[in-house]
Amino acid sequence: MKKLVLVFIGLLSLAFFGNVVLGQDGKGPRMTVAEREFDFKEVKEGAVLEHTFKILNKGDEPLKIISVKPG
C-alpha cells in the first residue's frame, strides 16, 4: 500500500514538473493529470484502498514513462 502511494506521488510530481523537463516550447510529449489529488475521507484501519489517476499526453509526440522514482 505504501509503495502504491509513493508511485502516485512520483507520477504526480512528474506531472507538476514535467513541463519544465520535457520542453517549454510546446513541442514533444506533455503529461497532464486530470485529478491531482483524491481524498479517501474516513477509512477504517486495515482497509485496502485503491484509486486510479488518469495520466494524459497533451503533447504532439508519444509520452514514454521509463521509470518512476518516488520522493
N, C-alpha and C. Protein backbone atom coordinates (compact mmCIF):
# COMPACT_ATOMS: atom_id res chain seq x y z
N MET A 1 0.83 -1.19 0.00
CA MET A 1 0.00 0.00 0.00
C MET A 1 0.87 1.26 0.00
N LYS A 2 1.92 1.21 0.83
CA LYS A 2 2.79 2.38 0.93
C LYS A 2 3.53 2.62 -0.39
N LYS A 3 3.94 1.53 -1.06
CA LYS A 3 4.62 1.67 -2.35
C LYS A 3 3.68 2.26 -3.39
N LEU A 4 2.41 1.86 -3.36
CA LEU A 4 1.42 2.37 -4.30
C LEU A 4 1.24 3.88 -4.13
N VAL A 5 1.17 4.32 -2.90
CA VAL A 5 1.03 5.75 -2.62
C VAL A 5 2.28 6.50 -3.11
N LEU A 6 3.46 5.93 -2.89
CA LEU A 6 4.69 6.56 -3.33
C LEU A 6 4.76 6.65 -4.86
N VAL A 7 4.26 5.63 -5.54
CA VAL A 7 4.24 5.67 -7.01
C VAL A 7 3.32 6.79 -7.48
N PHE A 8 2.16 6.93 -6.85
CA PHE A 8 1.25 8.02 -7.21
C PHE A 8 1.89 9.38 -6.97
N ILE A 9 2.57 9.52 -5.86
CA ILE A 9 3.25 10.79 -5.56
C ILE A 9 4.31 11.08 -6.62
N GLY A 10 5.05 10.04 -7.01
CA GLY A 10 6.07 10.21 -8.05
C GLY A 10 5.46 10.63 -9.38
N LEU A 11 4.36 9.99 -9.77
CA LEU A 11 3.70 10.35 -11.02
C LEU A 11 3.14 11.77 -10.97
N LEU A 12 2.58 12.13 -9.84
CA LEU A 12 2.05 13.49 -9.70
C LEU A 12 3.17 14.52 -9.75
N SER A 13 4.30 14.21 -9.13
CA SER A 13 5.44 15.11 -9.19
C SER A 13 5.91 15.29 -10.62
N LEU A 14 5.93 14.18 -11.36
CA LEU A 14 6.30 14.25 -12.76
C LEU A 14 5.33 15.14 -13.54
N ALA A 15 4.05 15.04 -13.20
CA ALA A 15 3.05 15.85 -13.89
C ALA A 15 3.25 17.33 -13.60
N PHE A 16 3.56 17.67 -12.35
CA PHE A 16 3.72 19.07 -11.99
C PHE A 16 4.97 19.67 -12.60
N PHE A 17 6.07 18.92 -12.57
CA PHE A 17 7.35 19.46 -13.01
C PHE A 17 7.78 18.96 -14.38
N GLY A 18 7.00 18.10 -14.97
CA GLY A 18 7.34 17.51 -16.26
C GLY A 18 7.43 18.52 -17.39
N ASN A 19 6.60 19.56 -17.35
CA ASN A 19 6.62 20.55 -18.41
C ASN A 19 7.97 21.26 -18.49
N VAL A 20 8.62 21.44 -17.36
CA VAL A 20 9.93 22.09 -17.34
C VAL A 20 10.96 21.18 -17.99
N VAL A 21 10.90 19.89 -17.67
CA VAL A 21 11.89 18.94 -18.17
C VAL A 21 11.63 18.57 -19.63
N LEU A 22 10.38 18.41 -20.00
CA LEU A 22 10.04 17.92 -21.32
C LEU A 22 9.99 19.00 -22.39
N GLY A 23 10.31 20.20 -22.06
CA GLY A 23 10.36 21.25 -23.07
C GLY A 23 9.27 22.29 -22.90
N GLN A 24 9.66 23.54 -22.94
CA GLN A 24 8.71 24.62 -22.74
C GLN A 24 8.30 25.24 -24.07
N ASP A 25 8.82 24.74 -25.18
CA ASP A 25 8.50 25.32 -26.47
C ASP A 25 7.18 24.81 -27.04
N GLY A 26 6.48 23.95 -26.31
CA GLY A 26 5.19 23.45 -26.75
C GLY A 26 5.27 22.22 -27.64
N LYS A 27 6.47 21.77 -27.96
CA LYS A 27 6.64 20.59 -28.79
C LYS A 27 7.02 19.41 -27.92
N GLY A 28 6.72 18.20 -28.41
CA GLY A 28 7.07 17.00 -27.68
C GLY A 28 5.92 16.53 -26.81
N PRO A 29 6.18 15.51 -25.99
CA PRO A 29 5.14 14.99 -25.10
C PRO A 29 4.86 15.97 -23.96
N ARG A 30 3.63 15.98 -23.49
CA ARG A 30 3.25 16.84 -22.36
C ARG A 30 2.29 16.07 -21.47
N MET A 31 2.79 15.61 -20.33
CA MET A 31 1.98 14.81 -19.41
C MET A 31 1.11 15.71 -18.55
N THR A 32 -0.16 15.35 -18.43
CA THR A 32 -1.07 16.04 -17.54
C THR A 32 -1.84 15.01 -16.72
N VAL A 33 -2.27 15.43 -15.55
CA VAL A 33 -3.06 14.58 -14.68
C VAL A 33 -4.40 15.26 -14.48
N ALA A 34 -5.49 14.57 -14.85
CA ALA A 34 -6.82 15.17 -14.76
C ALA A 34 -7.19 15.48 -13.32
N GLU A 35 -6.85 14.61 -12.41
CA GLU A 35 -7.19 14.76 -11.00
C GLU A 35 -5.90 14.70 -10.21
N ARG A 36 -5.52 15.79 -9.57
CA ARG A 36 -4.22 15.86 -8.90
C ARG A 36 -4.21 15.30 -7.49
N GLU A 37 -5.36 15.16 -6.88
CA GLU A 37 -5.42 14.57 -5.55
C GLU A 37 -6.76 13.87 -5.37
N PHE A 38 -6.81 12.98 -4.41
CA PHE A 38 -8.03 12.24 -4.11
C PHE A 38 -8.12 12.06 -2.61
N ASP A 39 -9.26 12.36 -2.02
CA ASP A 39 -9.46 12.25 -0.58
C ASP A 39 -10.32 11.01 -0.31
N PHE A 40 -9.77 10.05 0.40
CA PHE A 40 -10.50 8.83 0.73
C PHE A 40 -11.47 9.05 1.88
N LYS A 41 -11.46 10.23 2.45
CA LYS A 41 -12.31 10.56 3.61
C LYS A 41 -11.93 9.67 4.79
N GLU A 42 -12.92 9.26 5.57
CA GLU A 42 -12.66 8.44 6.75
C GLU A 42 -12.52 6.98 6.33
N VAL A 43 -11.45 6.34 6.81
CA VAL A 43 -11.15 4.97 6.42
C VAL A 43 -10.94 4.12 7.67
N LYS A 44 -11.52 2.93 7.65
CA LYS A 44 -11.32 2.01 8.77
C LYS A 44 -9.92 1.42 8.70
N GLU A 45 -9.32 1.20 9.86
CA GLU A 45 -7.97 0.66 9.93
C GLU A 45 -7.93 -0.72 9.27
N GLY A 46 -6.91 -0.94 8.46
CA GLY A 46 -6.73 -2.21 7.79
C GLY A 46 -7.45 -2.32 6.45
N ALA A 47 -8.23 -1.30 6.09
CA ALA A 47 -8.95 -1.34 4.82
C ALA A 47 -7.97 -1.20 3.65
N VAL A 48 -8.26 -1.90 2.57
CA VAL A 48 -7.45 -1.79 1.36
C VAL A 48 -8.09 -0.75 0.46
N LEU A 49 -7.31 0.26 0.09
CA LEU A 49 -7.83 1.37 -0.72
C LEU A 49 -7.20 1.36 -2.09
N GLU A 50 -7.96 1.82 -3.07
CA GLU A 50 -7.44 1.88 -4.43
C GLU A 50 -8.08 3.07 -5.14
N HIS A 51 -7.28 3.76 -5.92
CA HIS A 51 -7.78 4.86 -6.75
C HIS A 51 -6.91 4.95 -8.00
N THR A 52 -7.51 5.22 -9.12
CA THR A 52 -6.78 5.32 -10.38
C THR A 52 -6.68 6.78 -10.80
N PHE A 53 -5.46 7.22 -11.04
CA PHE A 53 -5.24 8.55 -11.58
C PHE A 53 -5.02 8.42 -13.08
N LYS A 54 -5.70 9.24 -13.86
CA LYS A 54 -5.56 9.20 -15.31
C LYS A 54 -4.41 10.12 -15.73
N ILE A 55 -3.42 9.54 -16.38
CA ILE A 55 -2.28 10.28 -16.91
C ILE A 55 -2.53 10.47 -18.40
N LEU A 56 -2.53 11.71 -18.86
CA LEU A 56 -2.83 12.01 -20.25
C LEU A 56 -1.64 12.65 -20.94
N ASN A 57 -1.51 12.42 -22.22
CA ASN A 57 -0.48 13.06 -23.02
C ASN A 57 -1.15 14.14 -23.87
N LYS A 58 -0.92 15.39 -23.56
CA LYS A 58 -1.50 16.51 -24.31
C LYS A 58 -0.51 17.07 -25.33
N GLY A 59 0.62 16.40 -25.51
CA GLY A 59 1.64 16.85 -26.45
C GLY A 59 1.43 16.29 -27.83
N ASP A 60 2.39 16.57 -28.70
CA ASP A 60 2.29 16.15 -30.09
C ASP A 60 3.24 14.98 -30.42
N GLU A 61 3.85 14.38 -29.41
CA GLU A 61 4.70 13.21 -29.59
C GLU A 61 4.36 12.19 -28.50
N PRO A 62 4.71 10.92 -28.71
CA PRO A 62 4.40 9.89 -27.71
C PRO A 62 5.06 10.18 -26.37
N LEU A 63 4.32 9.90 -25.30
CA LEU A 63 4.82 10.06 -23.95
C LEU A 63 5.32 8.70 -23.46
N LYS A 64 6.57 8.63 -23.05
CA LYS A 64 7.15 7.39 -22.55
C LYS A 64 7.56 7.59 -21.09
N ILE A 65 6.93 6.84 -20.20
CA ILE A 65 7.33 6.86 -18.79
C ILE A 65 8.27 5.68 -18.60
N ILE A 66 9.54 5.97 -18.51
CA ILE A 66 10.56 4.93 -18.45
C ILE A 66 10.77 4.43 -17.03
N SER A 67 10.77 5.34 -16.07
CA SER A 67 10.91 4.93 -14.68
C SER A 67 10.29 5.99 -13.79
N VAL A 68 9.98 5.58 -12.57
CA VAL A 68 9.41 6.49 -11.58
C VAL A 68 10.24 6.35 -10.32
N LYS A 69 10.67 7.48 -9.78
CA LYS A 69 11.44 7.48 -8.54
C LYS A 69 10.70 8.34 -7.53
N PRO A 70 9.87 7.72 -6.67
CA PRO A 70 9.12 8.50 -5.69
C PRO A 70 10.06 9.17 -4.69
N GLY A 71 9.64 10.34 -4.25
CA GLY A 71 10.44 11.12 -3.32
C GLY A 71 10.49 10.51 -1.99
